[in-house]
Protein backbone atom coordinates (compact mmCIF):
# COMPACT_ATOMS: atom_id res chain seq x y z
CA VAL A 1 3.90 -0.98 14.69
CA HIS A 2 0.92 1.40 12.81
CA ASN A 3 2.11 -0.80 9.48
CA GLY A 4 1.44 -3.62 11.12
CA ILE A 5 -2.00 -2.72 12.27
CA ALA A 6 -2.89 -0.61 8.81
CA LEU A 7 -1.79 -4.29 6.82
CA SER A 8 -4.51 -5.75 8.65
CA HIS A 9 -7.61 -3.99 8.43
CA PHE A 10 -6.32 -3.26 4.74
CA PHE A 11 -5.82 -7.35 4.32
CA ALA A 12 -9.43 -7.02 5.67
CA GLY A 13 -10.50 -5.37 2.98
CA ASN A 14 -11.24 -1.92 5.91
CA TYR A 15 -9.44 0.40 3.09
CA GLU A 16 -10.04 3.89 4.93
CA GLN A 17 -8.61 2.37 8.29
CA ALA A 18 -5.83 0.43 6.24
CA ALA A 19 -5.13 3.54 4.96
CA ALA A 20 -5.46 6.13 8.49
CA ALA A 21 -2.79 3.83 9.92
CA ALA A 22 -0.44 3.78 7.10
CA GLU A 23 0.19 7.19 7.75
CA LYS A 24 0.22 7.64 11.06
CA ALA A 25 3.61 5.16 10.77
CA GLY A 26 5.41 8.39 9.11
CA PRO A 27 5.88 10.09 5.52
CA ASN A 28 9.69 8.72 5.08
CA TYR A 29 8.71 4.42 6.38
CA ILE A 30 8.28 2.88 2.17
CA PRO A 31 5.98 0.50 3.33
CA ALA A 32 3.58 2.26 5.50
CA VAL A 33 3.70 4.67 2.06
CA LEU A 34 2.86 2.05 -0.33
CA THR A 35 -0.22 0.52 2.24
CA ALA A 36 -2.19 3.88 2.41
CA ALA A 37 -0.91 4.26 -1.61
CA LEU A 38 -2.53 0.81 -1.88
CA SER A 39 -5.44 1.76 0.62
CA LEU A 40 -6.20 5.32 -0.69
CA SER A 41 -6.19 3.47 -4.58
CA LEU A 42 -8.64 0.80 -3.20
CA ALA A 43 -10.97 3.42 -1.51
CA GLY A 44 -11.07 5.07 -5.27
CA ARG A 45 -9.95 7.72 -2.83
CA THR A 46 -7.09 8.76 -6.40
CA GLU A 47 -6.17 11.93 -5.42
CA GLU A 48 -4.73 10.92 -2.06
CA SER A 49 -3.38 7.73 -4.05
CA ASN A 50 -1.18 9.28 -6.44
CA LYS A 51 0.14 11.85 -3.86
CA ALA A 52 1.11 8.79 -1.91
CA MET A 53 2.73 7.21 -4.89
CA ALA A 54 4.67 10.57 -5.56
CA ARG A 55 6.07 10.54 -2.07
CA LEU A 56 6.88 6.76 -2.96
CA ARG A 57 8.99 7.75 -5.10
CA GLU A 58 10.55 10.38 -3.29
CA LEU A 59 11.77 7.69 -1.74
CA ASP A 60 12.76 5.08 -3.67
CA PRO A 61 13.05 6.09 -8.13
CA SER A 62 13.45 3.03 -8.82
CA VAL A 63 10.33 1.34 -6.79
CA SER A 64 9.81 -1.58 -8.43
CA THR A 65 6.84 -4.22 -7.47
CA ILE A 66 9.85 -6.88 -7.39
CA LYS A 67 11.09 -4.45 -4.26
CA PHE A 68 7.82 -5.11 -2.47
CA VAL A 69 7.81 -9.42 -3.67
CA GLY A 70 8.17 -10.51 -0.23
CA LEU A 71 8.10 -8.11 2.18
CA TRP A 72 4.37 -8.84 3.41
CA PRO A 73 3.20 -12.90 3.89
CA LEU A 74 0.64 -13.20 1.47
CA ARG A 75 -0.81 -17.00 2.73
CA ARG A 76 -4.02 -16.29 2.25
CA PRO A 77 -5.40 -16.47 -2.46
CA GLU A 78 -7.46 -13.11 -1.69
CA ASP A 79 -4.80 -11.33 0.06
CA VAL A 80 -2.62 -12.02 -3.12
CA VAL A 81 -5.61 -11.40 -5.11
CA ARG A 82 -6.46 -7.47 -3.11
CA PHE A 83 -2.69 -7.02 -3.13
CA SER A 84 -1.78 -7.62 -6.84
CA GLU A 85 -5.47 -4.66 -7.99
CA GLY A 86 -4.21 -2.61 -5.37
CA LEU A 87 -0.77 -2.15 -7.26
CA ARG A 88 -1.75 -2.53 -10.34
CA LYS A 89 -4.49 0.66 -9.59
CA VAL A 90 -1.23 2.39 -8.50
CA GLY A 91 0.30 1.65 -11.52
CA LEU A 92 2.88 -1.06 -10.83
CA SER A 93 2.80 -4.22 -12.66
CA GLU A 94 3.59 -7.31 -11.20
């Protein structure tokens, strides 16, 4: 539930709210940790985003963009752009 709320905020460009909602999903739910990392990065909170990415790598040392392809429906072009920008900013290439 919390990650769904986080994604709604993320795709609306409300990165602070997205990060807060993603963090409520817990520190072990990989999609929420990624949502938090992307949101924090796009909100300009680099240090916190880096911590979230470190946690993501603890949970899944082989983390890569390909693992997230198809995880969320990115139907609108602006969603693809926003998601891609977030991935780039946290160091995951497309």
